[in-house]
N, C-alpha and C. Protein backbone atom coordinates (compact mmCIF):
# COMPACT_ATOMS: atom_id res chain seq x y z
N MET A 1 134.15 -29.53 41.16
CA MET A 1 133.30 -30.71 41.13
C MET A 1 134.13 -31.87 40.58
N ASP A 2 134.13 -32.99 41.28
CA ASP A 2 134.81 -34.16 40.76
C ASP A 2 133.81 -35.04 40.00
N PHE A 3 134.33 -35.99 39.25
CA PHE A 3 133.50 -36.80 38.37
C PHE A 3 132.52 -37.68 39.15
N GLU A 4 132.96 -38.19 40.29
CA GLU A 4 132.08 -39.03 41.11
C GLU A 4 130.86 -38.23 41.57
N SER A 5 131.07 -37.02 42.05
CA SER A 5 129.96 -36.16 42.46
C SER A 5 129.07 -35.81 41.27
N TYR A 6 129.72 -35.52 40.17
CA TYR A 6 128.98 -35.20 38.95
C TYR A 6 128.05 -36.35 38.55
N LEU A 7 128.60 -37.56 38.51
CA LEU A 7 127.78 -38.71 38.13
C LEU A 7 126.68 -38.97 39.14
N SER A 8 126.92 -38.70 40.40
CA SER A 8 125.88 -38.85 41.42
C SER A 8 124.71 -37.90 41.12
N GLN A 9 125.02 -36.64 40.84
CA GLN A 9 123.98 -35.66 40.50
C GLN A 9 123.28 -36.06 39.20
N LEU A 10 124.06 -36.47 38.21
CA LEU A 10 123.48 -36.88 36.93
C LEU A 10 122.59 -38.11 37.12
N GLY A 11 123.02 -39.04 37.96
CA GLY A 11 122.22 -40.23 38.23
C GLY A 11 120.87 -39.89 38.84
N GLU A 12 120.84 -38.89 39.70
CA GLU A 12 119.56 -38.44 40.28
C GLU A 12 118.63 -37.88 39.21
N ILE A 13 119.20 -37.14 38.27
CA ILE A 13 118.40 -36.59 37.16
C ILE A 13 117.86 -37.74 36.31
N TYR A 14 118.69 -38.73 36.05
CA TYR A 14 118.24 -39.90 35.29
C TYR A 14 117.08 -40.59 36.01
N GLU A 15 117.22 -40.78 37.31
CA GLU A 15 116.15 -41.44 38.08
C GLU A 15 114.85 -40.65 38.02
N GLU A 16 114.94 -39.32 38.11
CA GLU A 16 113.74 -38.48 38.01
C GLU A 16 113.06 -38.64 36.65
N GLN A 17 113.82 -39.01 35.65
CA GLN A 17 113.29 -39.23 34.31
C GLN A 17 112.91 -40.70 34.07
N GLY A 18 112.98 -41.51 35.12
CA GLY A 18 112.62 -42.92 35.01
C GLY A 18 113.65 -43.76 34.27
N GLN A 19 114.89 -43.30 34.25
CA GLN A 19 115.96 -43.99 33.55
C GLN A 19 117.09 -44.32 34.52
N SER A 20 117.99 -45.17 34.07
CA SER A 20 119.17 -45.52 34.87
C SER A 20 120.43 -45.05 34.16
N LEU A 21 121.29 -44.44 34.92
CA LEU A 21 122.59 -44.04 34.40
C LEU A 21 123.51 -45.25 34.48
N LEU A 22 124.08 -45.64 33.36
CA LEU A 22 124.92 -46.83 33.31
C LEU A 22 126.32 -46.47 32.84
N VAL A 23 127.29 -46.69 33.72
CA VAL A 23 128.68 -46.47 33.37
C VAL A 23 129.45 -47.76 33.62
N SER A 24 130.57 -47.89 32.94
CA SER A 24 131.41 -49.08 33.09
C SER A 24 132.27 -48.98 34.35
N LYS A 25 132.72 -50.13 34.79
CA LYS A 25 133.64 -50.19 35.92
C LYS A 25 134.88 -49.36 35.59
N GLY A 26 135.42 -48.69 36.58
CA GLY A 26 136.57 -47.81 36.38
C GLY A 26 137.80 -48.53 35.88
N ALA A 27 138.64 -47.77 35.20
CA ALA A 27 139.92 -48.29 34.72
C ALA A 27 140.87 -48.42 35.90
N THR A 28 141.81 -49.30 35.76
CA THR A 28 142.83 -49.46 36.81
C THR A 28 143.90 -48.38 36.64
N SER A 29 144.65 -48.17 37.68
CA SER A 29 145.78 -47.23 37.61
C SER A 29 146.74 -47.65 36.51
N LYS A 30 146.93 -48.95 36.37
CA LYS A 30 147.83 -49.48 35.33
C LYS A 30 147.32 -49.10 33.94
N GLU A 31 146.02 -49.17 33.72
CA GLU A 31 145.45 -48.81 32.41
C GLU A 31 145.64 -47.32 32.12
N VAL A 32 145.48 -46.48 33.14
CA VAL A 32 145.66 -45.04 32.97
C VAL A 32 147.13 -44.72 32.70
N ILE A 33 148.03 -45.35 33.43
CA ILE A 33 149.46 -45.14 33.20
C ILE A 33 149.84 -45.58 31.80
N SER A 34 149.30 -46.69 31.37
CA SER A 34 149.55 -47.19 30.01
C SER A 34 149.06 -46.19 28.96
N LEU A 35 147.90 -45.60 29.20
CA LEU A 35 147.37 -44.58 28.29
C LEU A 35 148.34 -43.40 28.21
N GLU A 36 148.82 -42.93 29.34
CA GLU A 36 149.76 -41.81 29.35
C GLU A 36 151.05 -42.16 28.62
N GLN A 37 151.48 -43.41 28.73
CA GLN A 37 152.69 -43.83 28.02
C GLN A 37 152.46 -43.83 26.51
N VAL A 38 151.31 -44.29 26.08
CA VAL A 38 150.97 -44.28 24.66
C VAL A 38 150.91 -42.85 24.13
N LEU A 39 150.28 -41.96 24.90
CA LEU A 39 150.13 -40.57 24.50
C LEU A 39 151.45 -39.80 24.53
N GLY A 40 152.29 -40.13 25.50
CA GLY A 40 153.56 -39.42 25.65
C GLY A 40 153.45 -38.15 26.47
N PHE A 41 152.35 -37.98 27.19
CA PHE A 41 152.17 -36.83 28.08
C PHE A 41 151.22 -37.22 29.19
N PRO A 42 151.32 -36.54 30.35
CA PRO A 42 150.42 -36.85 31.47
C PRO A 42 149.03 -36.26 31.25
N LEU A 43 148.04 -36.96 31.72
CA LEU A 43 146.65 -36.49 31.66
C LEU A 43 146.35 -35.56 32.82
N ASP A 44 145.39 -34.71 32.62
CA ASP A 44 144.83 -33.88 33.67
C ASP A 44 144.31 -34.80 34.78
N ASP A 45 144.56 -34.45 36.04
CA ASP A 45 144.14 -35.29 37.16
C ASP A 45 142.63 -35.55 37.17
N HIS A 46 141.84 -34.57 36.75
CA HIS A 46 140.38 -34.73 36.77
C HIS A 46 139.91 -35.76 35.74
N LEU A 47 140.49 -35.73 34.55
CA LEU A 47 140.13 -36.72 33.53
C LEU A 47 140.65 -38.10 33.93
N LYS A 48 141.84 -38.13 34.49
CA LYS A 48 142.40 -39.39 34.96
C LYS A 48 141.48 -40.05 36.00
N SER A 49 141.04 -39.25 36.97
CA SER A 49 140.18 -39.81 38.01
C SER A 49 138.80 -40.16 37.45
N ALA A 50 138.35 -39.45 36.43
CA ALA A 50 137.08 -39.81 35.79
C ALA A 50 137.17 -41.21 35.20
N TRP A 51 138.24 -41.50 34.48
CA TRP A 51 138.39 -42.84 33.90
C TRP A 51 138.59 -43.90 34.98
N GLN A 52 139.21 -43.52 36.07
CA GLN A 52 139.38 -44.50 37.15
C GLN A 52 138.06 -44.77 37.86
N TYR A 53 137.14 -43.84 37.78
CA TYR A 53 135.82 -44.03 38.38
C TYR A 53 134.88 -44.77 37.41
N ALA A 54 134.94 -44.42 36.13
CA ALA A 54 134.07 -45.04 35.13
C ALA A 54 134.81 -45.07 33.80
N ASN A 55 135.10 -46.24 33.33
CA ASN A 55 135.84 -46.37 32.06
C ASN A 55 134.85 -46.41 30.90
N GLY A 56 134.11 -45.31 30.74
CA GLY A 56 133.13 -45.19 29.67
C GLY A 56 131.72 -45.34 30.17
N SER A 57 130.79 -45.04 29.26
CA SER A 57 129.36 -45.14 29.58
C SER A 57 128.67 -45.99 28.52
N ARG A 58 127.40 -46.23 28.75
CA ARG A 58 126.59 -46.95 27.77
C ARG A 58 126.54 -46.13 26.49
N SER A 59 126.53 -46.81 25.36
CA SER A 59 126.44 -46.14 24.07
C SER A 59 125.18 -45.30 23.98
N ASN A 60 125.31 -44.11 23.43
CA ASN A 60 124.20 -43.17 23.22
C ASN A 60 123.56 -42.67 24.51
N GLN A 61 124.26 -42.72 25.61
CA GLN A 61 123.73 -42.20 26.87
C GLN A 61 124.42 -40.87 27.18
N THR A 62 123.61 -39.84 27.41
CA THR A 62 124.16 -38.52 27.67
C THR A 62 124.91 -38.47 29.00
N ILE A 63 126.19 -38.14 28.90
CA ILE A 63 127.00 -37.91 30.09
C ILE A 63 127.41 -36.44 30.14
N PHE A 64 127.68 -35.86 28.98
CA PHE A 64 128.04 -34.45 28.87
C PHE A 64 127.09 -33.77 27.90
N ALA A 65 126.80 -32.51 28.15
CA ALA A 65 125.92 -31.74 27.26
C ALA A 65 126.73 -31.02 26.20
N ARG A 66 126.15 -30.91 25.03
CA ARG A 66 126.72 -30.09 23.96
C ARG A 66 126.18 -28.68 24.16
N LYS A 67 127.07 -27.76 24.40
CA LYS A 67 126.69 -26.39 24.73
C LYS A 67 125.73 -25.82 23.68
N ASP A 68 124.59 -25.30 24.19
CA ASP A 68 123.58 -24.62 23.38
C ASP A 68 122.82 -25.53 22.42
N PHE A 69 122.91 -26.84 22.61
CA PHE A 69 122.17 -27.79 21.78
C PHE A 69 121.54 -28.85 22.69
N PHE A 70 120.48 -29.46 22.22
CA PHE A 70 119.87 -30.57 22.95
C PHE A 70 120.49 -31.88 22.49
N THR A 71 121.79 -31.94 22.55
CA THR A 71 122.54 -33.12 22.16
C THR A 71 123.50 -33.44 23.30
N GLY A 72 123.64 -34.72 23.59
CA GLY A 72 124.56 -35.13 24.63
C GLY A 72 125.64 -36.04 24.08
N TYR A 73 126.74 -36.07 24.79
CA TYR A 73 127.87 -36.93 24.44
C TYR A 73 127.94 -38.10 25.41
N GLU A 74 128.28 -39.27 24.90
CA GLU A 74 128.59 -40.40 25.76
C GLU A 74 130.06 -40.30 26.16
N PHE A 75 130.39 -40.92 27.28
CA PHE A 75 131.77 -40.93 27.79
C PHE A 75 132.48 -42.14 27.20
N LEU A 76 133.59 -41.91 26.52
CA LEU A 76 134.33 -43.00 25.89
C LEU A 76 135.21 -43.74 26.89
N SER A 77 135.36 -45.03 26.67
CA SER A 77 136.33 -45.79 27.44
C SER A 77 137.73 -45.39 26.96
N ILE A 78 138.74 -45.75 27.70
CA ILE A 78 140.11 -45.47 27.28
C ILE A 78 140.38 -46.09 25.92
N LYS A 79 139.96 -47.32 25.73
CA LYS A 79 140.17 -48.01 24.46
C LYS A 79 139.49 -47.25 23.32
N ASP A 80 138.26 -46.82 23.52
CA ASP A 80 137.53 -46.09 22.47
C ASP A 80 138.12 -44.70 22.24
N ALA A 81 138.61 -44.07 23.30
CA ALA A 81 139.24 -42.75 23.16
C ALA A 81 140.48 -42.86 22.25
N LEU A 82 141.28 -43.89 22.48
CA LEU A 82 142.46 -44.10 21.63
C LEU A 82 142.07 -44.41 20.19
N ALA A 83 141.00 -45.18 20.01
CA ALA A 83 140.53 -45.50 18.65
C ALA A 83 140.05 -44.24 17.94
N GLN A 84 139.32 -43.37 18.64
CA GLN A 84 138.87 -42.12 18.02
C GLN A 84 140.06 -41.22 17.69
N ARG A 85 141.05 -41.21 18.57
CA ARG A 85 142.26 -40.40 18.32
C ARG A 85 142.96 -40.90 17.06
N GLU A 86 143.10 -42.20 16.93
CA GLU A 86 143.72 -42.78 15.73
C GLU A 86 142.91 -42.43 14.49
N GLY A 87 141.58 -42.47 14.62
CA GLY A 87 140.71 -42.10 13.49
C GLY A 87 140.93 -40.66 13.06
N MET A 88 141.05 -39.75 14.03
CA MET A 88 141.32 -38.34 13.71
C MET A 88 142.66 -38.21 12.98
N LYS A 89 143.65 -38.91 13.48
CA LYS A 89 144.98 -38.85 12.88
C LYS A 89 144.95 -39.37 11.45
N ARG A 90 144.24 -40.45 11.24
CA ARG A 90 144.14 -41.07 9.92
C ARG A 90 143.38 -40.17 8.92
N ARG A 91 142.31 -39.48 9.41
CA ARG A 91 141.50 -38.63 8.53
C ARG A 91 142.10 -37.25 8.29
N ALA A 92 143.01 -36.81 9.13
CA ALA A 92 143.56 -35.45 9.05
C ALA A 92 144.07 -35.07 7.66
N PRO A 93 144.78 -35.94 6.95
CA PRO A 93 145.26 -35.54 5.62
C PRO A 93 144.13 -35.18 4.64
N GLN A 94 142.96 -35.74 4.81
CA GLN A 94 141.82 -35.42 3.95
C GLN A 94 141.40 -33.95 4.10
N TYR A 95 141.75 -33.35 5.22
CA TYR A 95 141.37 -31.97 5.52
C TYR A 95 142.47 -30.96 5.15
N ALA A 96 143.52 -31.40 4.49
CA ALA A 96 144.67 -30.53 4.23
C ALA A 96 144.29 -29.21 3.55
N GLU A 97 143.38 -29.22 2.63
CA GLU A 97 142.99 -28.00 1.92
C GLU A 97 141.69 -27.39 2.44
N TYR A 98 141.11 -28.00 3.43
CA TYR A 98 139.81 -27.55 3.95
C TYR A 98 140.01 -26.49 5.04
N SER A 99 139.18 -25.47 5.02
CA SER A 99 139.16 -24.53 6.13
C SER A 99 137.72 -24.40 6.59
N GLN A 100 137.53 -24.33 7.89
CA GLN A 100 136.18 -24.29 8.42
C GLN A 100 135.51 -22.97 8.07
N PRO A 101 134.17 -22.96 8.04
CA PRO A 101 133.43 -21.77 7.60
C PRO A 101 133.76 -20.49 8.37
N GLU A 102 133.93 -20.57 9.66
CA GLU A 102 134.29 -19.41 10.49
C GLU A 102 135.73 -19.59 10.95
N PRO A 103 136.47 -18.52 11.11
CA PRO A 103 137.86 -18.65 11.60
C PRO A 103 137.90 -19.40 12.93
N ARG A 104 138.90 -20.23 13.07
CA ARG A 104 139.08 -21.02 14.29
C ARG A 104 139.52 -20.12 15.44
N ASP A 105 139.04 -20.43 16.62
CA ASP A 105 139.43 -19.72 17.83
C ASP A 105 140.96 -19.77 17.96
N ALA A 106 141.56 -18.65 18.29
CA ALA A 106 143.02 -18.54 18.37
C ALA A 106 143.64 -19.43 19.45
N ARG A 107 142.83 -19.92 20.37
CA ARG A 107 143.35 -20.79 21.43
C ARG A 107 143.62 -22.21 20.93
N ILE A 108 143.11 -22.53 19.74
CA ILE A 108 143.22 -23.89 19.20
C ILE A 108 144.24 -23.91 18.07
N GLU A 109 145.12 -24.88 18.11
CA GLU A 109 146.14 -25.06 17.08
C GLU A 109 145.47 -25.36 15.74
N GLU A 110 146.12 -24.96 14.68
CA GLU A 110 145.63 -25.24 13.32
C GLU A 110 145.71 -26.74 13.04
N GLY A 111 145.07 -27.15 11.98
CA GLY A 111 145.11 -28.55 11.56
C GLY A 111 143.94 -29.34 12.11
N TRP A 112 143.88 -30.59 11.69
CA TRP A 112 142.74 -31.44 12.04
C TRP A 112 143.15 -32.60 12.94
N PHE A 113 144.41 -32.58 13.33
CA PHE A 113 144.89 -33.52 14.35
C PHE A 113 146.15 -32.93 14.95
N GLN A 114 146.24 -33.00 16.26
CA GLN A 114 147.44 -32.62 16.98
C GLN A 114 147.79 -33.76 17.93
N PRO A 115 149.08 -34.06 18.10
CA PRO A 115 149.46 -35.15 19.01
C PRO A 115 148.95 -34.97 20.43
N GLY A 116 148.67 -33.74 20.84
CA GLY A 116 148.17 -33.48 22.18
C GLY A 116 146.66 -33.50 22.31
N TRP A 117 145.95 -33.94 21.29
CA TRP A 117 144.48 -34.03 21.35
C TRP A 117 144.06 -35.45 21.72
N LEU A 118 143.10 -35.53 22.63
CA LEU A 118 142.57 -36.83 23.02
C LEU A 118 141.05 -36.74 23.14
N PRO A 119 140.32 -37.34 22.19
CA PRO A 119 138.86 -37.40 22.33
C PRO A 119 138.49 -38.22 23.56
N PHE A 120 137.46 -37.77 24.29
CA PHE A 120 137.02 -38.52 25.47
C PHE A 120 135.51 -38.69 25.51
N ALA A 121 134.81 -38.07 24.59
CA ALA A 121 133.35 -38.20 24.54
C ALA A 121 132.91 -38.06 23.08
N SER A 122 131.81 -38.73 22.74
CA SER A 122 131.35 -38.68 21.35
C SER A 122 129.84 -38.77 21.26
N PHE A 123 129.36 -38.40 20.10
CA PHE A 123 127.96 -38.57 19.73
C PHE A 123 127.96 -39.03 18.29
N GLY A 124 127.15 -40.04 18.01
CA GLY A 124 127.02 -40.52 16.63
C GLY A 124 128.32 -41.02 16.04
N GLY A 125 129.04 -41.83 16.80
CA GLY A 125 130.34 -42.29 16.33
C GLY A 125 131.33 -41.16 16.46
N ALA A 126 131.82 -40.68 15.34
CA ALA A 126 132.76 -39.54 15.38
C ALA A 126 132.13 -38.29 14.79
N THR A 127 130.81 -38.24 14.74
CA THR A 127 130.13 -37.06 14.20
C THR A 127 130.39 -35.85 15.08
N LEU A 128 130.35 -36.04 16.39
CA LEU A 128 130.68 -35.01 17.37
C LEU A 128 131.67 -35.62 18.35
N LEU A 129 132.73 -34.89 18.64
CA LEU A 129 133.71 -35.36 19.62
C LEU A 129 134.06 -34.23 20.58
N LEU A 130 134.15 -34.56 21.85
CA LEU A 130 134.76 -33.66 22.83
C LEU A 130 136.20 -34.12 22.97
N ILE A 131 137.11 -33.16 22.98
CA ILE A 131 138.54 -33.46 22.96
C ILE A 131 139.23 -32.64 24.05
N VAL A 132 140.08 -33.30 24.83
CA VAL A 132 140.92 -32.55 25.75
C VAL A 132 142.18 -32.19 24.96
N ASP A 133 142.56 -30.93 25.05
CA ASP A 133 143.63 -30.38 24.21
C ASP A 133 144.86 -30.08 25.06
N TYR A 134 145.91 -30.89 24.87
CA TYR A 134 147.16 -30.68 25.58
C TYR A 134 148.21 -30.01 24.70
N SER A 135 147.81 -29.54 23.52
CA SER A 135 148.74 -28.81 22.66
C SER A 135 148.05 -27.57 22.10
N PRO A 136 147.60 -26.69 23.00
CA PRO A 136 146.88 -25.50 22.54
C PRO A 136 147.81 -24.50 21.85
N ARG A 137 147.22 -23.64 21.09
CA ARG A 137 147.97 -22.60 20.40
C ARG A 137 148.25 -21.45 21.37
N LYS A 138 147.21 -20.76 21.76
CA LYS A 138 147.33 -19.66 22.72
C LYS A 138 146.49 -19.93 23.96
N GLY A 139 145.85 -21.09 23.99
CA GLY A 139 144.99 -21.44 25.10
C GLY A 139 145.75 -22.09 26.23
N LYS A 140 145.03 -22.87 27.01
CA LYS A 140 145.57 -23.48 28.22
C LYS A 140 145.58 -25.00 28.05
N PRO A 141 146.70 -25.68 28.33
CA PRO A 141 146.70 -27.14 28.26
C PRO A 141 145.57 -27.70 29.13
N GLY A 142 144.86 -28.66 28.59
CA GLY A 142 143.72 -29.25 29.30
C GLY A 142 142.40 -28.61 28.92
N GLN A 143 142.45 -27.60 28.03
CA GLN A 143 141.19 -27.00 27.58
C GLN A 143 140.38 -28.03 26.80
N ILE A 144 139.08 -27.80 26.73
CA ILE A 144 138.18 -28.71 26.03
C ILE A 144 137.78 -28.07 24.71
N ILE A 145 137.95 -28.84 23.64
CA ILE A 145 137.55 -28.41 22.30
C ILE A 145 136.61 -29.45 21.73
N ALA A 146 135.97 -29.12 20.61
CA ALA A 146 135.02 -30.06 20.02
C ALA A 146 135.19 -30.12 18.51
N PHE A 147 135.11 -31.33 17.99
CA PHE A 147 135.01 -31.54 16.55
C PHE A 147 133.54 -31.74 16.23
N THR A 148 133.06 -31.03 15.23
CA THR A 148 131.69 -31.18 14.75
C THR A 148 131.74 -31.45 13.26
N HIS A 149 131.05 -32.48 12.84
CA HIS A 149 130.97 -32.81 11.41
C HIS A 149 129.76 -32.12 10.80
N ASP A 150 129.96 -31.53 9.64
CA ASP A 150 128.92 -30.95 8.78
C ASP A 150 128.24 -29.73 9.37
N PRO A 151 128.80 -28.56 9.24
CA PRO A 151 130.09 -28.34 8.60
C PRO A 151 131.22 -28.71 9.55
N ASP A 152 132.29 -29.21 9.00
CA ASP A 152 133.40 -29.66 9.81
C ASP A 152 134.10 -28.48 10.47
N THR A 153 134.11 -28.51 11.79
CA THR A 153 134.72 -27.44 12.57
C THR A 153 135.39 -28.02 13.81
N ILE A 154 136.34 -27.28 14.32
CA ILE A 154 136.91 -27.56 15.64
C ILE A 154 136.78 -26.27 16.42
N ASP A 155 136.04 -26.33 17.53
CA ASP A 155 135.69 -25.14 18.28
C ASP A 155 136.11 -25.25 19.74
N PHE A 156 136.35 -24.11 20.35
CA PHE A 156 136.64 -24.03 21.78
C PHE A 156 135.34 -24.28 22.55
N VAL A 157 135.40 -25.08 23.62
CA VAL A 157 134.24 -25.36 24.46
C VAL A 157 134.39 -24.67 25.82
N CYS A 158 135.46 -24.99 26.54
CA CYS A 158 135.68 -24.39 27.86
C CYS A 158 137.13 -24.59 28.29
N ASN A 159 137.49 -23.98 29.42
CA ASN A 159 138.88 -23.99 29.88
C ASN A 159 139.39 -25.33 30.41
N ASP A 160 138.50 -26.16 30.98
CA ASP A 160 138.98 -27.42 31.55
C ASP A 160 137.83 -28.39 31.81
N PHE A 161 138.19 -29.60 32.21
CA PHE A 161 137.24 -30.68 32.43
C PHE A 161 136.25 -30.33 33.54
N THR A 162 136.72 -29.71 34.61
CA THR A 162 135.85 -29.33 35.73
C THR A 162 134.78 -28.34 35.27
N HIS A 163 135.17 -27.39 34.46
CA HIS A 163 134.20 -26.41 33.93
C HIS A 163 133.16 -27.13 33.06
N LEU A 164 133.60 -28.10 32.28
CA LEU A 164 132.67 -28.88 31.45
C LEU A 164 131.62 -29.57 32.32
N LEU A 165 132.06 -30.14 33.43
CA LEU A 165 131.12 -30.82 34.33
C LEU A 165 130.08 -29.84 34.88
N LYS A 166 130.54 -28.69 35.33
CA LYS A 166 129.62 -27.68 35.90
C LYS A 166 128.61 -27.21 34.86
N GLU A 167 129.08 -26.93 33.66
CA GLU A 167 128.18 -26.45 32.61
C GLU A 167 127.23 -27.56 32.14
N SER A 168 127.73 -28.77 32.03
CA SER A 168 126.89 -29.89 31.58
C SER A 168 125.76 -30.17 32.56
N ILE A 169 126.08 -30.22 33.85
CA ILE A 169 125.02 -30.54 34.83
C ILE A 169 123.97 -29.44 34.85
N LYS A 170 124.41 -28.21 34.70
CA LYS A 170 123.47 -27.09 34.66
C LYS A 170 122.56 -27.20 33.44
N GLN A 171 123.12 -27.50 32.29
CA GLN A 171 122.35 -27.59 31.07
C GLN A 171 121.41 -28.79 31.07
N ILE A 172 121.90 -29.94 31.49
CA ILE A 172 121.07 -31.16 31.51
C ILE A 172 119.95 -31.03 32.53
N SER A 173 120.24 -30.48 33.71
CA SER A 173 119.21 -30.37 34.74
C SER A 173 118.14 -29.34 34.38
N SER A 174 118.46 -28.38 33.51
CA SER A 174 117.47 -27.37 33.13
C SER A 174 116.39 -27.94 32.20
N GLU A 175 116.73 -28.94 31.40
CA GLU A 175 115.75 -29.55 30.49
C GLU A 175 116.09 -31.04 30.30
N PRO A 176 115.97 -31.82 31.37
CA PRO A 176 116.41 -33.21 31.31
C PRO A 176 115.71 -34.06 30.26
N GLU A 177 114.46 -33.74 29.98
CA GLU A 177 113.73 -34.54 29.00
C GLU A 177 114.33 -34.45 27.60
N GLU A 178 115.15 -33.44 27.35
CA GLU A 178 115.80 -33.27 26.06
C GLU A 178 117.06 -34.12 25.94
N TYR A 179 117.62 -34.53 27.06
CA TYR A 179 118.89 -35.26 27.07
C TYR A 179 118.76 -36.72 27.48
N ILE A 180 117.72 -37.02 28.24
CA ILE A 180 117.58 -38.36 28.81
C ILE A 180 116.32 -39.00 28.24
N TYR A 181 116.53 -40.08 27.52
CA TYR A 181 115.39 -40.77 26.87
C TYR A 181 115.68 -42.24 26.74
């Protein structure tokens, strides 16, 4: 499933709920290339095309579902994704002695910031973040992980962006009134 098809299906669910799905105009190829230069690594083609189709969504609008919760994530613009990444990097030293309540999934590198992490969706500012992970420990580059505040954890979500889209549409369409308001 590509992002354009995903948003089309999601838009239909929004309409059935009497709401409008609002996303920003897509990023230019130049903006995406610039992002990759700042990061120092290439983005997954699916995430790249997602930003080229829509460079973020309206604040507090569910674009992705939080697995097993009635919480949704908004899609960050490239600019906001970089700002969240900088925030993670800046806050990481505060977590030096902290360990999450349950052992971290072995697919995720230790620590609270890795140069290969890029947040792309959020809820409540930085309370919840979806992150594409290009520096996995034993996992697969491009896997999706999540930061959750209180208790602070970083957890494995799924193998890739495409899988996230499939699972999100399934979850949102099963109980749209919980995600769209």
